[in-house]
Amino acid sequence: MTRRELLTLEATWHECVAKQSFYALAHLMQELVIEHCHPGVTARRAQLFQIAAARHVEHLITNPICRRTIELAEEASERSEGLYSPHLETHGAIVAAMDQYGPPPSFFPRPQLSPIETQAYELAAELANPEQAGVRVRYLGGPAATLAAIAAGAPDSNPEASYQIGLHRDIFGSLFLTPKLNRKMRTPKAVALAQRMYESQDFSVMPILADTLQAAGCEDADVLSHCRNPEQIHVRGCWVVDLVLGKG
């Protein structure tokens, strides 16, 4: 990728985020992976985005198989063998359920699920199937957004757009940055704070992490502002926390 192409993509990314152009951003993410092989869009980050998006609509899901799939997907994202291990253990049950229900052929009547139940299975099926980043980004956040739209009674809307734009900032916000955080700044206190947030998924001490990094010599405005912005959501996969912990 040439520097000119990179600058053009960066400008487009920031414009999409600022305008909350959800579908344009999804298309750009595909381009970054499929055409430019951007190293920042990893399978792990794409999976964590999908999980965070699913968690945000989990209150709409009543099926225990679908809820369990979200938990299993989260566990799988941390496995040493990565995301390309076998299907999650709920995969078979999801496939069986989707085969059992749905629009029946005229000669074989069968019960139908409600639209929201069907979409919950679609979301779970997406999480239960290990795929590469290039496949993941084609539907990044889509199943969760569709579920929320159906639940809101407005299937052509996207109630999750604002939240998922925030996820893009949190997980993929460093795609066009070169954060300055050397080994000396990753002090035991900074690493401990980041690890605690990563494991508990309670990111309320992000401003304290900023103070800790700054005290260790970090003056990177992007890193510090991301930690201190009170309107920024944070989830597992946050690019600053990953940077401190050495995750990719």
Protein backbone atom coordinates (compact mmCIF):
# COMPACT_ATOMS: atom_id res chain seq x y z
CA MET A 1 0.00 0.00 0.00
CA THR A 2 1.45 3.38 -0.99
CA ARG A 3 1.52 6.30 1.43
CA ARG A 4 -0.99 8.14 -0.76
CA GLU A 5 -3.40 5.20 -0.62
CA LEU A 6 -2.95 4.98 3.14
CA LEU A 7 -3.71 8.68 3.62
CA THR A 8 -6.81 8.40 1.42
CA LEU A 9 -8.07 5.40 3.38
CA GLU A 10 -7.34 7.17 6.66
CA ALA A 11 -9.32 10.25 5.60
CA THR A 12 -12.22 8.05 4.50
CA TRP A 13 -12.16 6.11 7.78
CA HIS A 14 -12.29 9.30 9.88
CA GLU A 15 -15.07 10.72 7.70
CA CYS A 16 -17.15 7.55 8.07
CA VAL A 17 -16.68 7.55 11.84
CA ALA A 18 -17.49 11.26 12.19
CA LYS A 19 -20.65 10.97 10.08
CA GLN A 20 -21.56 7.58 11.59
CA SER A 21 -21.74 6.16 8.07
CA PHE A 22 -22.10 2.59 9.27
CA TYR A 23 -22.37 0.79 5.94
CA ALA A 24 -19.66 2.86 4.26
CA LEU A 25 -17.39 2.01 7.18
CA ALA A 26 -18.17 -1.70 6.83
CA HIS A 27 -17.24 -1.51 3.14
CA LEU A 28 -13.99 0.27 4.01
CA MET A 29 -13.07 -2.42 6.54
CA GLN A 30 -13.52 -5.04 3.83
CA GLU A 31 -11.25 -3.05 1.54
CA LEU A 32 -8.58 -2.77 4.25
CA VAL A 33 -8.49 -6.54 4.73
CA ILE A 34 -9.23 -7.99 1.32
CA GLU A 35 -7.44 -5.49 -0.95
CA HIS A 36 -4.74 -4.05 1.30
CA CYS A 37 -4.16 -6.84 3.87
CA HIS A 38 -3.99 -4.27 6.66
CA PRO A 39 -2.23 -5.97 9.61
CA GLY A 40 -4.34 -4.09 12.15
CA VAL A 41 -7.56 -5.87 11.17
CA THR A 42 -6.86 -9.25 12.74
CA ALA A 43 -9.23 -12.18 13.16
CA ARG A 44 -9.05 -11.72 16.93
CA ARG A 45 -10.07 -8.06 16.75
CA ALA A 46 -12.88 -8.81 14.33
CA GLN A 47 -14.14 -11.57 16.62
CA LEU A 48 -13.96 -9.30 19.69
CA PHE A 49 -15.93 -6.66 17.78
CA GLN A 50 -18.62 -9.23 16.97
CA ILE A 51 -18.72 -10.37 20.60
CA ALA A 52 -19.03 -6.83 21.95
CA ALA A 53 -21.79 -6.11 19.44
CA ALA A 54 -23.58 -9.30 20.52
CA ARG A 55 -23.18 -8.45 24.22
CA HIS A 56 -24.87 -5.12 23.61
CA VAL A 57 -28.05 -6.82 22.34
CA GLU A 58 -27.83 -9.88 24.60
CA HIS A 59 -30.81 -8.65 26.64
CA LEU A 60 -32.94 -9.29 23.53
CA ILE A 61 -31.86 -12.95 23.35
CA THR A 62 -33.77 -15.51 25.42
CA ASN A 63 -32.55 -18.72 23.79
CA PRO A 64 -29.96 -20.39 26.08
CA ILE A 65 -28.04 -21.87 23.13
CA CYS A 66 -27.53 -18.44 21.60
CA ARG A 67 -26.55 -16.87 24.92
CA ARG A 68 -24.11 -19.70 25.62
CA THR A 69 -22.56 -19.21 22.18
CA ILE A 70 -21.61 -15.64 23.06
CA GLU A 71 -19.78 -16.91 26.15
CA LEU A 72 -18.00 -19.64 24.20
CA ALA A 73 -16.95 -17.22 21.46
CA GLU A 74 -15.41 -14.96 24.07
CA GLU A 75 -13.46 -17.88 25.52
CA ALA A 76 -12.34 -19.01 22.05
CA SER A 77 -10.91 -15.59 21.24
CA GLU A 78 -8.29 -16.13 23.95
CA ARG A 79 -7.32 -19.71 23.12
CA SER A 80 -3.72 -20.30 22.14
CA GLU A 81 -4.78 -22.04 18.92
CA GLY A 82 -6.68 -18.94 17.92
CA LEU A 83 -9.98 -18.63 16.11
CA TYR A 84 -9.34 -21.31 13.52
CA SER A 85 -9.97 -24.18 15.91
CA PRO A 86 -13.05 -26.39 15.40
CA HIS A 87 -16.56 -24.95 15.57
CA LEU A 88 -17.85 -24.00 19.00
CA GLU A 89 -19.67 -26.78 20.83
CA THR A 90 -23.04 -25.11 20.21
CA HIS A 91 -22.55 -25.07 16.44
CA GLY A 92 -24.34 -28.38 15.86
CA ALA A 93 -27.34 -27.37 17.96
CA ILE A 94 -27.60 -24.07 16.09
CA VAL A 95 -27.50 -25.78 12.68
CA ALA A 96 -30.08 -28.36 13.81
CA ALA A 97 -32.41 -25.65 15.10
CA MET A 98 -32.13 -23.62 11.92
CA ASP A 99 -32.84 -26.75 9.86
CA GLN A 100 -35.85 -27.64 12.01
CA TYR A 101 -37.54 -24.26 11.80
CA GLY A 102 -38.05 -21.69 9.11
CA PRO A 103 -40.07 -21.39 5.90
CA PRO A 104 -41.32 -24.94 5.22
CA PRO A 105 -41.60 -26.57 1.82
CA SER A 106 -45.25 -27.11 0.89
CA PHE A 107 -44.97 -30.88 1.31
CA PHE A 108 -43.28 -30.74 4.73
CA PRO A 109 -44.94 -28.31 7.16
CA ARG A 110 -42.81 -27.36 10.14
CA PRO A 111 -43.00 -24.73 12.87
CA GLN A 112 -41.55 -21.30 12.31
CA LEU A 113 -39.53 -19.16 14.68
CA SER A 114 -40.35 -15.53 15.26
CA PRO A 115 -38.17 -13.05 13.32
CA ILE A 116 -36.26 -12.09 16.46
CA GLU A 117 -35.62 -15.75 17.39
CA THR A 118 -34.44 -16.46 13.86
CA GLN A 119 -32.03 -13.53 13.95
CA ALA A 120 -30.72 -14.61 17.36
CA TYR A 121 -29.76 -17.94 15.76
CA GLU A 122 -28.17 -16.08 12.83
CA LEU A 123 -26.07 -14.07 15.28
CA ALA A 124 -25.05 -17.21 17.17
CA ALA A 125 -24.21 -19.05 13.94
CA GLU A 126 -21.87 -16.21 12.96
CA LEU A 127 -20.02 -16.46 16.29
CA ALA A 128 -19.90 -20.26 16.34
CA ASN A 129 -18.21 -20.56 12.96
CA PRO A 130 -14.43 -19.87 12.96
CA GLU A 131 -13.52 -17.63 10.04
CA GLN A 132 -10.67 -15.46 8.85
CA ALA A 133 -10.71 -11.69 9.30
CA GLY A 134 -11.53 -11.11 5.65
CA VAL A 135 -14.75 -13.08 6.03
CA ARG A 136 -15.60 -11.60 9.44
CA VAL A 137 -15.50 -7.97 8.35
CA ARG A 138 -18.09 -8.50 5.62
CA TYR A 139 -20.72 -8.82 8.34
CA LEU A 140 -19.00 -6.86 11.13
CA GLY A 141 -21.74 -6.06 13.65
CA GLY A 142 -24.46 -6.86 11.11
CA PRO A 143 -26.26 -9.71 12.93
CA ALA A 144 -26.48 -7.71 16.17
CA ALA A 145 -27.69 -4.60 14.34
CA THR A 146 -30.38 -6.59 12.51
CA LEU A 147 -31.52 -8.19 15.77
CA ALA A 148 -31.91 -4.77 17.42
CA ALA A 149 -33.76 -3.41 14.39
CA ILE A 150 -36.24 -6.30 14.41
CA ALA A 151 -36.78 -5.92 18.16
CA ALA A 152 -37.46 -2.20 17.66
CA GLY A 153 -40.08 -2.99 15.03
CA ALA A 154 -38.09 -1.13 12.38
CA PRO A 155 -36.22 -3.79 10.36
CA ASP A 156 -34.83 -1.23 7.90
CA SER A 157 -33.23 0.87 10.64
CA ASN A 158 -29.95 0.45 12.53
CA PRO A 159 -30.38 1.24 16.24
CA GLU A 160 -26.85 -0.04 16.91
CA ALA A 161 -25.02 2.30 14.53
CA SER A 162 -23.89 4.80 17.16
CA TYR A 163 -22.71 2.10 19.57
CA GLN A 164 -20.89 0.15 16.88
CA ILE A 165 -19.15 3.27 15.59
CA GLY A 166 -17.83 3.59 19.15
CA LEU A 167 -16.62 0.00 18.93
CA HIS A 168 -14.74 0.85 15.75
CA ARG A 169 -12.99 3.70 17.55
CA ASP A 170 -12.12 1.47 20.50
CA ILE A 171 -10.95 -1.66 18.68
CA PHE A 172 -9.74 -0.35 15.32
CA GLY A 173 -8.93 3.24 16.28
CA SER A 174 -5.19 2.68 15.90
CA LEU A 175 -5.33 1.46 12.29
CA PHE A 176 -3.76 4.64 10.95
CA LEU A 177 -1.77 5.64 14.03
CA THR A 178 1.77 4.91 15.13
CA PRO A 179 1.34 5.03 18.92
CA LYS A 180 4.50 5.87 20.82
CA LEU A 181 4.58 3.47 23.74
CA ASN A 182 7.96 1.92 24.38
CA ARG A 183 8.82 -0.88 26.75
CA LYS A 184 9.82 1.46 29.58
CA MET A 185 6.33 2.96 29.61
CA ARG A 186 4.76 -0.46 30.08
CA THR A 187 5.48 -0.39 33.80
CA PRO A 188 4.27 -3.15 36.15
CA LYS A 189 1.51 -0.81 37.36
CA ALA A 190 0.36 -0.02 33.81
CA VAL A 191 0.35 -3.69 32.81
CA ALA A 192 -1.51 -4.66 35.99
CA LEU A 193 -4.18 -2.02 35.37
CA ALA A 194 -4.61 -3.09 31.75
CA GLN A 195 -4.75 -6.78 32.67
CA ARG A 196 -7.35 -6.13 35.36
CA MET A 197 -9.56 -4.24 32.94
CA TYR A 198 -9.10 -6.86 30.25
CA GLU A 199 -10.12 -9.71 32.53
CA SER A 200 -12.95 -7.97 34.41
CA GLN A 201 -14.20 -5.98 31.40
CA ASP A 202 -14.60 -3.05 33.76
CA PHE A 203 -12.81 -0.15 32.08
CA SER A 204 -13.64 2.55 34.61
CA VAL A 205 -9.97 3.05 35.47
CA MET A 206 -8.92 4.00 31.93
CA PRO A 207 -8.13 7.58 33.08
CA ILE A 208 -5.86 6.12 35.76
CA LEU A 209 -4.11 4.09 33.07
CA ALA A 210 -3.54 7.35 31.18
CA ASP A 211 -2.03 8.96 34.28
CA THR A 212 0.20 5.92 34.82
CA LEU A 213 1.43 5.90 31.23
CA GLN A 214 2.05 9.64 31.28
CA ALA A 215 4.00 9.36 34.52
CA ALA A 216 6.18 6.76 32.77
CA GLY A 217 6.93 9.20 29.95
CA CYS A 218 4.10 8.67 27.46
CA GLU A 219 3.07 11.92 25.76
CA ASP A 220 1.23 10.33 22.84
CA ALA A 221 -1.93 12.43 22.48
CA ASP A 222 -3.88 9.64 20.77
CA VAL A 223 -3.15 7.15 23.55
CA LEU A 224 -3.89 9.57 26.39
CA SER A 225 -7.04 11.06 24.86
CA HIS A 226 -8.46 7.62 24.12
CA CYS A 227 -8.06 6.71 27.79
CA ARG A 228 -9.47 9.98 29.11
CA ASN A 229 -12.38 10.60 26.74
CA PRO A 230 -15.48 10.18 28.97
CA GLU A 231 -17.69 9.46 25.94
CA GLN A 232 -15.52 6.66 24.55
CA ILE A 233 -16.79 3.15 25.20
CA HIS A 234 -14.22 0.47 25.97
CA VAL A 235 -14.47 -3.28 25.50
CA ARG A 236 -12.14 -6.24 25.41
CA GLY A 237 -9.98 -5.50 22.38
CA CYS A 238 -9.50 -1.79 23.20
CA TRP A 239 -6.43 -0.80 21.19
CA VAL A 240 -4.70 1.00 24.07
CA VAL A 241 -5.18 -1.88 26.51
CA ASP A 242 -3.98 -4.30 23.82
CA LEU A 243 -0.96 -2.07 23.23
CA VAL A 244 -0.01 -2.15 26.92
CA LEU A 245 -0.52 -5.92 27.09
CA GLY A 246 1.24 -6.65 23.81
CA LYS A 247 -1.82 -8.18 22.16
CA GLY A 248 -2.63 -7.90 18.47
